[in-house]
Amino acid sequence: MVALALGALRDPLPGVLIAATVVVLACRAGAAVMRRLGQTAVVGEIAVGILLGPTLLGWLWPAGERWLLPGEVVAYLGLLGNLGLVLFMFLVGLELDLGLLRGSGRAVALVSQATVAVPLGLGALLALGMYASFAPAGVGRAQFALFVAVALSVTAFPVLARILTEEGLYATAVGALAMACAAVADVVAWCLLVVVVAVAADGGAGRVLLTVAAAGAFLAAMWWGVRPLLARWGAPGGVAALFAGICLAACATDAIGVHALFGAFLFGAVVPRDAEPARRAAERMREFAVPVLLPLFFVGSGLRTDIALLGADVAGWLWAVAALAVAVAAKWGAGTGAALMAGRPVREAVTLGALMNCRGVTELVVLNIGLGLGVIGPRLFTVLVLMALTTTALTAR
């Protein structure tokens, strides 16, 4: 009894500090390796998060995984990782430059909507085929299909920005067009995710409509209320003030019944991009949140990703290949076709389609939300994480 009491009172801080150190340094090393291989750092960070879980470390050295990442340590790392994710989504919103839409309206409209609509349709059809094999008990076909469709329609706006910068394409015409299309596609995908979360809450049609209406009212209040005030009176200066605004916005959407990340994203979108104090505070947040806290989110996703769940299941692997094929064909094909319809040269159209195929961190965010809601199970989570990693790697090439 005494030993049990002492075990319960054991301070988890040393374990958290050791695990956080290993995760952060391993992700940095993985990012460096991938850069040398011509890949973006995000691919290395996501891959390391997966390898630290049951896919590799837990398979090769189960005792080592249990020592490094015991349950109580994982819980604390999860909290820190989610905090990093909230800050990251604020930064994504802050980077959302709707001014990119000017000058290429027809191409942006065609490409952005095609790269959402086509993956939605094909993703829903794929989900109906996967339903019997992958849907958790009690999840309806509509919920399952809607979530998988949204998951395949995502484009990782912030990761795309990093890839364009690293490849020297950010200031080019195709780079600017890709960023504009990804910005619109991201906004549409997040709005669709609000609907998915509301449907997954399973409170009936009235509850879904109430949640969507409340989310719409919050969006309107932020865009037509808070944004003009911030533009007129100045954005919050200093890390503490900006952090408080992020937390309040995240709490508001969480209370509505939409994920807290949506509030952080919206707050970033309404903060004036040219407000120098806010920009400086955001950069200070970025210097800590992205290299230190975000890898803790990756390892949390990695612990939920277990390739052994597919094992020797040939049907499962065939579905994984099908998911990847549909994801690439839907995004790349739709983006290329829409760009050609908009009158873009063939080479530029193909490049734009490839860029829109990027999923990265945003996909992991969506998948973790779906897993947390119980809309998808661990096997499909693993399949879609592998799809996200592969499509991001293909984009970087």
Protein backbone atom coordinates (compact mmCIF):
# COMPACT_ATOMS: atom_id res chain seq x y z
CA MET A 1 0.00 0.00 0.00
CA VAL A 2 2.82 2.39 0.90
CA ALA A 3 4.58 1.64 -2.39
CA LEU A 4 1.37 2.32 -4.30
CA ALA A 5 0.89 5.60 -2.46
CA LEU A 6 4.46 6.66 -3.18
CA GLY A 7 4.00 5.73 -6.85
CA ALA A 8 0.83 7.80 -7.04
CA LEU A 9 2.62 10.78 -5.48
CA ARG A 10 5.65 10.52 -7.77
CA ASP A 11 6.33 13.81 -9.48
CA PRO A 12 5.82 13.35 -13.27
CA LEU A 13 7.89 16.46 -14.06
CA PRO A 14 11.26 14.67 -14.56
CA GLY A 15 9.65 12.20 -16.97
CA VAL A 16 7.95 15.02 -18.88
CA LEU A 17 11.22 16.95 -19.13
CA ILE A 18 13.12 13.92 -20.42
CA ALA A 19 10.43 12.96 -22.93
CA ALA A 20 10.04 16.54 -24.19
CA THR A 21 13.80 16.83 -24.66
CA VAL A 22 13.99 13.59 -26.65
CA VAL A 23 10.97 14.46 -28.80
CA VAL A 24 12.09 18.01 -29.64
CA LEU A 25 15.68 17.03 -30.45
CA ALA A 26 14.57 13.99 -32.46
CA CYS A 27 12.16 16.14 -34.49
CA ARG A 28 14.93 18.68 -35.13
CA ALA A 29 17.21 15.87 -36.31
CA GLY A 30 14.48 14.42 -38.51
CA ALA A 31 13.84 17.84 -40.03
CA ALA A 32 17.54 18.30 -40.76
CA VAL A 33 17.78 14.88 -42.43
CA MET A 34 14.76 15.57 -44.62
CA ARG A 35 16.13 18.96 -45.68
CA ARG A 36 19.33 17.24 -46.85
CA LEU A 37 17.17 14.81 -48.84
CA GLY A 38 15.37 17.70 -50.51
CA GLN A 39 12.23 17.40 -48.41
CA THR A 40 10.52 19.97 -46.22
CA ALA A 41 11.19 19.94 -42.47
CA VAL A 42 7.56 19.11 -41.70
CA VAL A 43 7.90 15.69 -43.34
CA GLY A 44 10.79 14.84 -41.00
CA GLU A 45 8.96 16.10 -37.92
CA ILE A 46 5.83 14.10 -38.69
CA ALA A 47 7.86 11.00 -39.54
CA VAL A 48 9.79 11.17 -36.25
CA GLY A 49 6.53 11.53 -34.34
CA ILE A 50 5.30 8.31 -35.98
CA LEU A 51 8.58 6.44 -35.39
CA LEU A 52 8.59 7.28 -31.67
CA GLY A 53 5.24 5.49 -31.32
CA PRO A 54 4.28 1.83 -31.66
CA THR A 55 5.19 1.79 -35.36
CA LEU A 56 8.95 1.58 -34.64
CA LEU A 57 10.08 2.29 -31.06
CA GLY A 58 7.20 0.34 -29.52
CA TRP A 59 7.88 -2.53 -31.91
CA LEU A 60 11.66 -2.69 -31.52
CA TRP A 61 11.88 -1.78 -27.84
CA PRO A 62 8.49 -1.84 -26.05
CA ALA A 63 10.10 -1.35 -22.62
CA GLY A 64 11.91 1.73 -23.93
CA GLU A 65 8.70 3.24 -25.24
CA ARG A 66 6.94 2.57 -21.93
CA TRP A 67 9.85 4.17 -20.02
CA LEU A 68 10.09 7.22 -22.28
CA LEU A 69 6.37 7.73 -22.87
CA PRO A 70 4.33 6.29 -19.99
CA GLY A 71 0.66 7.20 -19.78
CA GLU A 72 0.99 10.08 -17.31
CA VAL A 73 3.83 11.64 -19.31
CA VAL A 74 1.90 11.31 -22.58
CA ALA A 75 -1.04 13.13 -20.99
CA TYR A 76 1.13 16.12 -20.07
CA LEU A 77 2.86 16.12 -23.44
CA GLY A 78 -0.57 16.04 -25.05
CA LEU A 79 -1.62 19.17 -23.17
CA LEU A 80 1.56 20.99 -24.17
CA GLY A 81 1.20 19.78 -27.75
CA ASN A 82 -2.40 20.99 -27.94
CA LEU A 83 -1.35 24.37 -26.59
CA GLY A 84 1.28 24.51 -29.30
CA LEU A 85 -1.37 23.57 -31.83
CA VAL A 86 -3.66 26.38 -30.67
CA LEU A 87 -0.80 28.87 -31.11
CA PHE A 88 0.08 27.34 -34.47
CA MET A 89 -3.49 27.73 -35.74
CA PHE A 90 -3.42 31.37 -34.67
CA LEU A 91 -0.26 31.80 -36.74
CA VAL A 92 -1.98 30.08 -39.68
CA GLY A 93 -4.83 32.56 -39.46
CA LEU A 94 -2.39 35.44 -39.19
CA GLU A 95 -0.64 34.30 -42.39
CA LEU A 96 -3.96 34.14 -44.25
CA ASP A 97 -3.61 36.96 -46.77
CA LEU A 98 -6.91 37.40 -48.59
CA GLY A 99 -5.26 40.17 -50.58
CA LEU A 100 -3.76 37.37 -52.66
CA LEU A 101 -7.19 36.93 -54.21
CA ARG A 102 -6.87 40.19 -56.14
CA GLY A 103 -5.79 39.97 -59.76
CA SER A 104 -6.33 36.24 -60.32
CA GLY A 105 -9.97 35.94 -59.37
CA ARG A 106 -11.08 33.46 -62.02
CA ALA A 107 -8.12 31.10 -61.56
CA VAL A 108 -8.35 31.29 -57.76
CA ALA A 109 -12.09 30.61 -57.79
CA LEU A 110 -11.81 27.68 -60.19
CA VAL A 111 -8.77 26.01 -58.62
CA SER A 112 -9.71 26.50 -54.98
CA GLN A 113 -13.27 25.28 -55.40
CA ALA A 114 -12.31 22.39 -57.67
CA THR A 115 -9.65 21.19 -55.21
CA VAL A 116 -12.27 21.12 -52.47
CA ALA A 117 -15.32 19.88 -54.41
CA VAL A 118 -13.65 17.01 -56.29
CA PRO A 119 -11.92 15.52 -53.19
CA LEU A 120 -15.20 15.91 -51.28
CA GLY A 121 -17.11 13.93 -53.88
CA LEU A 122 -14.49 11.23 -54.43
CA GLY A 123 -13.73 11.08 -50.71
CA ALA A 124 -17.40 10.46 -49.92
CA LEU A 125 -17.54 7.64 -52.46
CA LEU A 126 -14.34 6.14 -51.05
CA ALA A 127 -15.74 6.39 -47.52
CA LEU A 128 -18.89 4.50 -48.48
CA GLY A 129 -16.70 1.66 -49.70
CA MET A 130 -14.51 1.78 -46.55
CA TYR A 131 -17.43 2.01 -44.15
CA ALA A 132 -17.84 -1.71 -43.42
CA SER A 133 -14.11 -2.20 -42.80
CA PHE A 134 -13.13 0.99 -40.97
CA ALA A 135 -16.13 2.73 -39.39
CA PRO A 136 -16.30 2.52 -35.56
CA ALA A 137 -19.41 0.94 -34.07
CA GLY A 138 -22.30 3.37 -33.79
CA VAL A 139 -21.03 5.84 -36.40
CA GLY A 140 -23.50 6.44 -39.19
CA ARG A 141 -22.63 6.35 -42.87
CA ALA A 142 -23.32 10.06 -43.30
CA GLN A 143 -21.03 11.06 -40.41
CA PHE A 144 -18.27 8.76 -41.58
CA ALA A 145 -18.51 9.76 -45.25
CA LEU A 146 -18.65 13.47 -44.45
CA PHE A 147 -15.56 13.32 -42.27
CA VAL A 148 -13.47 11.29 -44.74
CA ALA A 149 -14.54 13.62 -47.54
CA VAL A 150 -13.43 16.69 -45.57
CA ALA A 151 -10.16 14.98 -44.60
CA LEU A 152 -9.32 14.42 -48.27
CA SER A 153 -10.22 18.00 -49.22
CA VAL A 154 -7.69 19.66 -46.89
CA THR A 155 -4.71 21.67 -48.19
CA ALA A 156 -2.06 22.60 -45.63
CA PHE A 157 -1.80 26.37 -46.14
CA PRO A 158 1.09 26.93 -43.63
CA VAL A 159 3.10 23.92 -44.82
CA LEU A 160 2.63 25.03 -48.41
CA ALA A 161 4.02 28.45 -47.47
CA ARG A 162 7.12 26.79 -45.98
CA ILE A 163 7.61 24.61 -49.08
CA LEU A 164 7.28 27.58 -51.43
CA THR A 165 9.76 29.59 -49.36
CA GLU A 166 12.30 26.74 -49.21
CA GLU A 167 11.96 26.11 -52.97
CA GLY A 168 12.23 29.80 -53.87
CA LEU A 169 8.72 29.89 -55.35
CA TYR A 170 7.01 32.12 -52.77
CA ALA A 171 7.42 35.38 -54.74
CA THR A 172 6.65 33.85 -58.16
CA ALA A 173 3.34 34.06 -60.01
CA VAL A 174 2.57 30.36 -59.49
CA GLY A 175 3.56 30.63 -55.83
CA ALA A 176 1.24 33.58 -55.22
CA LEU A 177 -1.58 31.81 -57.04
CA ALA A 178 -1.02 28.61 -55.04
CA MET A 179 -1.10 30.55 -51.76
CA ALA A 180 -4.33 32.31 -52.76
CA CYS A 181 -5.99 29.03 -53.77
CA ALA A 182 -4.80 27.29 -50.60
CA ALA A 183 -6.08 30.16 -48.47
CA VAL A 184 -9.59 29.89 -49.93
CA ALA A 185 -9.54 26.08 -49.78
CA ASP A 186 -8.43 26.17 -46.12
CA VAL A 187 -11.26 28.51 -45.14
CA VAL A 188 -13.82 26.33 -46.94
CA ALA A 189 -12.39 23.16 -45.36
CA TRP A 190 -12.53 24.65 -41.86
CA CYS A 191 -16.14 25.72 -42.39
CA LEU A 192 -16.97 22.18 -43.51
CA LEU A 193 -15.18 20.83 -40.45
CA VAL A 194 -17.47 22.92 -38.27
CA VAL A 195 -20.40 21.07 -39.83
CA VAL A 196 -18.67 17.71 -39.28
CA VAL A 197 -18.07 18.46 -35.59
CA ALA A 198 -21.68 19.56 -35.18
CA VAL A 199 -22.98 16.40 -36.87
CA ALA A 200 -20.63 14.18 -34.86
CA ALA A 201 -22.01 15.65 -31.63
CA ASP A 202 -25.15 13.68 -32.55
CA GLY A 203 -27.60 16.03 -30.93
CA GLY A 204 -30.17 15.84 -33.71
CA ALA A 205 -30.80 18.19 -36.60
CA GLY A 206 -31.80 21.02 -34.27
CA ARG A 207 -28.57 20.78 -32.31
CA VAL A 208 -26.50 20.68 -35.50
CA LEU A 209 -28.25 23.76 -36.89
CA LEU A 210 -27.83 25.58 -33.56
CA THR A 211 -24.10 24.81 -33.46
CA VAL A 212 -23.57 25.87 -37.07
CA ALA A 213 -25.62 29.05 -36.51
CA ALA A 214 -23.65 29.88 -33.35
CA ALA A 215 -20.37 29.30 -35.22
CA GLY A 216 -21.60 31.55 -38.02
CA ALA A 217 -22.56 34.26 -35.54
CA PHE A 218 -19.13 34.02 -33.90
CA LEU A 219 -17.45 34.28 -37.31
CA ALA A 220 -19.55 37.33 -38.18
CA ALA A 221 -18.81 38.96 -34.82
CA MET A 222 -15.07 38.39 -35.24
CA TRP A 223 -14.93 39.56 -38.84
CA TRP A 224 -17.31 42.53 -38.78
CA GLY A 225 -16.97 43.43 -35.09
CA VAL A 226 -13.57 42.56 -33.67
CA ARG A 227 -11.55 43.03 -36.86
CA PRO A 228 -12.58 46.69 -37.43
CA LEU A 229 -11.97 47.45 -33.75
CA LEU A 230 -8.50 45.97 -33.91
CA ALA A 231 -7.80 47.87 -37.13
CA ARG A 232 -8.98 51.13 -35.57
CA TRP A 233 -7.66 50.90 -32.03
CA GLY A 234 -4.68 48.67 -32.66
CA ALA A 235 -4.04 44.97 -32.29
CA PRO A 236 -3.03 43.67 -28.87
CA GLY A 237 0.69 44.28 -28.37
CA GLY A 238 2.93 42.02 -26.36
CA VAL A 239 2.96 38.26 -26.05
CA ALA A 240 0.76 38.19 -22.93
CA ALA A 241 -2.05 40.27 -24.47
CA LEU A 242 -1.97 38.35 -27.73
CA PHE A 243 -1.92 35.02 -25.89
CA ALA A 244 -4.95 36.09 -23.84
CA GLY A 245 -6.87 36.95 -27.02
CA ILE A 246 -6.01 33.59 -28.56
CA CYS A 247 -7.15 31.70 -25.47
CA LEU A 248 -10.43 33.62 -25.18
CA ALA A 249 -11.28 33.06 -28.84
CA ALA A 250 -10.41 29.36 -28.54
CA CYS A 251 -12.55 29.02 -25.39
CA ALA A 252 -15.47 30.71 -27.15
CA THR A 253 -15.59 28.25 -30.05
CA ASP A 254 -15.05 25.34 -27.67
CA ALA A 255 -18.09 26.51 -25.66
CA ILE A 256 -20.12 26.79 -28.87
CA GLY A 257 -19.41 23.13 -29.58
CA VAL A 258 -16.83 23.70 -32.30
CA HIS A 259 -13.17 22.80 -31.74
CA ALA A 260 -11.05 25.37 -29.90
CA LEU A 261 -8.64 25.49 -32.85
CA PHE A 262 -11.30 27.22 -34.94
CA GLY A 263 -11.37 30.17 -32.53
CA ALA A 264 -7.58 30.50 -32.53
CA PHE A 265 -7.56 30.40 -36.33
CA LEU A 266 -10.25 33.09 -36.58
CA PHE A 267 -8.50 35.33 -34.08
CA GLY A 268 -5.35 35.14 -36.19
CA ALA A 269 -7.35 35.96 -39.31
CA VAL A 270 -8.83 39.16 -37.79
CA VAL A 271 -5.60 40.52 -36.27
CA PRO A 272 -4.33 43.22 -38.67
CA ARG A 273 -1.39 41.82 -40.62
CA ASP A 274 0.33 45.21 -40.72
CA ALA A 275 0.13 45.80 -36.93
CA GLU A 276 3.82 45.79 -36.04
CA PRO A 277 3.47 45.13 -32.27
CA ALA A 278 1.24 42.12 -32.92
CA ARG A 279 3.58 40.86 -35.65
CA ARG A 280 6.57 41.05 -33.32
CA ALA A 281 4.67 39.26 -30.55
CA ALA A 282 3.51 36.59 -33.00
CA GLU A 283 7.08 36.00 -34.20
CA ARG A 284 8.20 35.52 -30.60
CA MET A 285 5.42 32.95 -30.16
CA ARG A 286 6.43 31.24 -33.41
CA GLU A 287 10.04 30.89 -32.26
CA PHE A 288 8.87 28.77 -29.32
CA ALA A 289 5.61 27.17 -30.41
CA VAL A 290 6.71 25.75 -33.78
CA PRO A 291 10.09 24.16 -32.89
CA VAL A 292 9.28 23.21 -29.27
CA LEU A 293 5.55 22.70 -28.65
CA LEU A 294 4.36 21.51 -32.07
CA PRO A 295 6.64 18.41 -32.09
CA LEU A 296 4.86 17.31 -28.91
CA PHE A 297 1.65 17.24 -30.96
CA PHE A 298 3.42 15.14 -33.59
CA VAL A 299 4.46 12.53 -31.05
CA GLY A 300 0.87 12.40 -29.78
CA SER A 301 -0.27 11.69 -33.34
CA GLY A 302 2.56 9.18 -33.69
CA LEU A 303 1.40 7.24 -30.65
CA ARG A 304 -2.02 6.89 -32.30
CA THR A 305 -0.44 5.74 -35.57
CA ASP A 306 0.37 2.05 -35.59
CA ILE A 307 1.14 0.43 -38.93
CA ALA A 308 0.93 -2.96 -37.18
CA LEU A 309 -2.85 -2.40 -37.01
CA LEU A 310 -2.90 -3.10 -40.74
CA GLY A 311 -0.39 -5.96 -40.35
CA ALA A 312 -0.88 -8.68 -42.96
CA ASP A 313 -4.39 -7.48 -43.77
CA VAL A 314 -4.18 -7.32 -47.55
CA ALA A 315 -7.59 -5.66 -47.83
CA GLY A 316 -6.51 -2.98 -45.35
CA TRP A 317 -3.38 -2.18 -47.35
CA LEU A 318 -5.38 -2.09 -50.58
CA TRP A 319 -7.73 0.44 -48.99
CA ALA A 320 -4.67 2.45 -47.89
CA VAL A 321 -3.38 2.49 -51.48
CA ALA A 322 -6.85 3.44 -52.69
CA ALA A 323 -7.04 6.33 -50.21
CA LEU A 324 -3.66 7.62 -51.37
CA ALA A 325 -4.59 7.26 -55.05
CA VAL A 326 -7.91 9.06 -54.58
CA ALA A 327 -6.28 11.81 -52.50
CA VAL A 328 -3.59 12.48 -55.12
CA ALA A 329 -5.86 12.16 -58.14
CA ALA A 330 -8.56 14.35 -56.62
CA LYS A 331 -6.30 17.21 -55.54
CA TRP A 332 -3.62 17.12 -58.20
CA GLY A 333 -6.01 16.27 -61.01
CA ALA A 334 -8.64 18.81 -60.01
CA GLY A 335 -6.07 21.55 -59.46
CA THR A 336 -4.38 20.91 -62.82
CA GLY A 337 -7.65 20.68 -64.71
CA ALA A 338 -9.09 23.82 -63.15
CA ALA A 339 -5.91 25.79 -63.82
CA LEU A 340 -6.00 24.73 -67.48
CA MET A 341 -9.64 25.82 -67.68
CA ALA A 342 -8.58 29.19 -66.28
CA GLY A 343 -6.12 29.57 -69.17
CA ARG A 344 -2.88 28.83 -67.31
CA PRO A 345 0.06 27.24 -69.18
CA VAL A 346 0.35 23.45 -68.89
CA ARG A 347 3.56 23.49 -66.82
CA GLU A 348 2.16 26.05 -64.41
CA ALA A 349 -1.13 24.14 -64.14
CA VAL A 350 0.62 20.87 -63.30
CA THR A 351 2.80 22.64 -60.70
CA LEU A 352 -0.23 24.28 -59.15
CA GLY A 353 -2.06 20.95 -58.93
CA ALA A 354 0.96 19.38 -57.23
CA LEU A 355 1.18 22.21 -54.71
CA MET A 356 -2.50 21.92 -53.81
CA ASN A 357 -1.90 18.25 -52.96
CA CYS A 358 0.03 19.29 -49.83
CA ARG A 359 -1.68 18.26 -46.55
CA GLY A 360 0.90 18.19 -43.75
CA VAL A 361 0.07 19.43 -40.25
CA THR A 362 -3.43 20.61 -41.13
CA GLU A 363 -4.38 17.06 -42.07
CA LEU A 364 -3.08 15.75 -38.74
CA VAL A 365 -5.19 18.36 -36.94
CA VAL A 366 -8.31 17.23 -38.77
CA LEU A 367 -7.55 13.53 -38.20
CA ASN A 368 -6.95 14.02 -34.48
CA ILE A 369 -10.28 15.84 -34.22
CA GLY A 370 -12.00 12.95 -35.99
CA LEU A 371 -10.32 10.36 -33.76
CA GLY A 372 -11.21 12.33 -30.65
CA LEU A 373 -14.85 12.55 -31.75
CA GLY A 374 -14.91 8.81 -32.44
CA VAL A 375 -15.87 9.31 -36.09
CA ILE A 376 -12.85 7.30 -37.24
CA GLY A 377 -10.93 4.53 -35.49
CA PRO A 378 -7.18 3.89 -35.06
CA ARG A 379 -6.88 1.81 -38.25
CA LEU A 380 -8.30 4.49 -40.53
CA PHE A 381 -6.37 7.14 -38.58
CA THR A 382 -3.16 5.26 -39.46
CA VAL A 383 -4.17 4.96 -43.12
CA LEU A 384 -4.91 8.67 -43.43
CA VAL A 385 -1.77 9.75 -41.54
CA LEU A 386 0.31 7.73 -44.01
CA MET A 387 -1.62 9.41 -46.84
CA ALA A 388 -0.91 12.86 -45.36
CA LEU A 389 2.80 12.12 -44.98
CA THR A 390 3.09 10.77 -48.52
CA THR A 391 1.21 13.60 -50.22
CA THR A 392 3.25 16.20 -48.34
CA ALA A 393 6.48 14.46 -49.39
CA LEU A 394 5.27 14.35 -53.02
CA THR A 395 4.55 18.09 -52.92
CA ALA A 396 8.03 18.88 -51.61
CA ARG A 397 9.59 16.95 -54.50
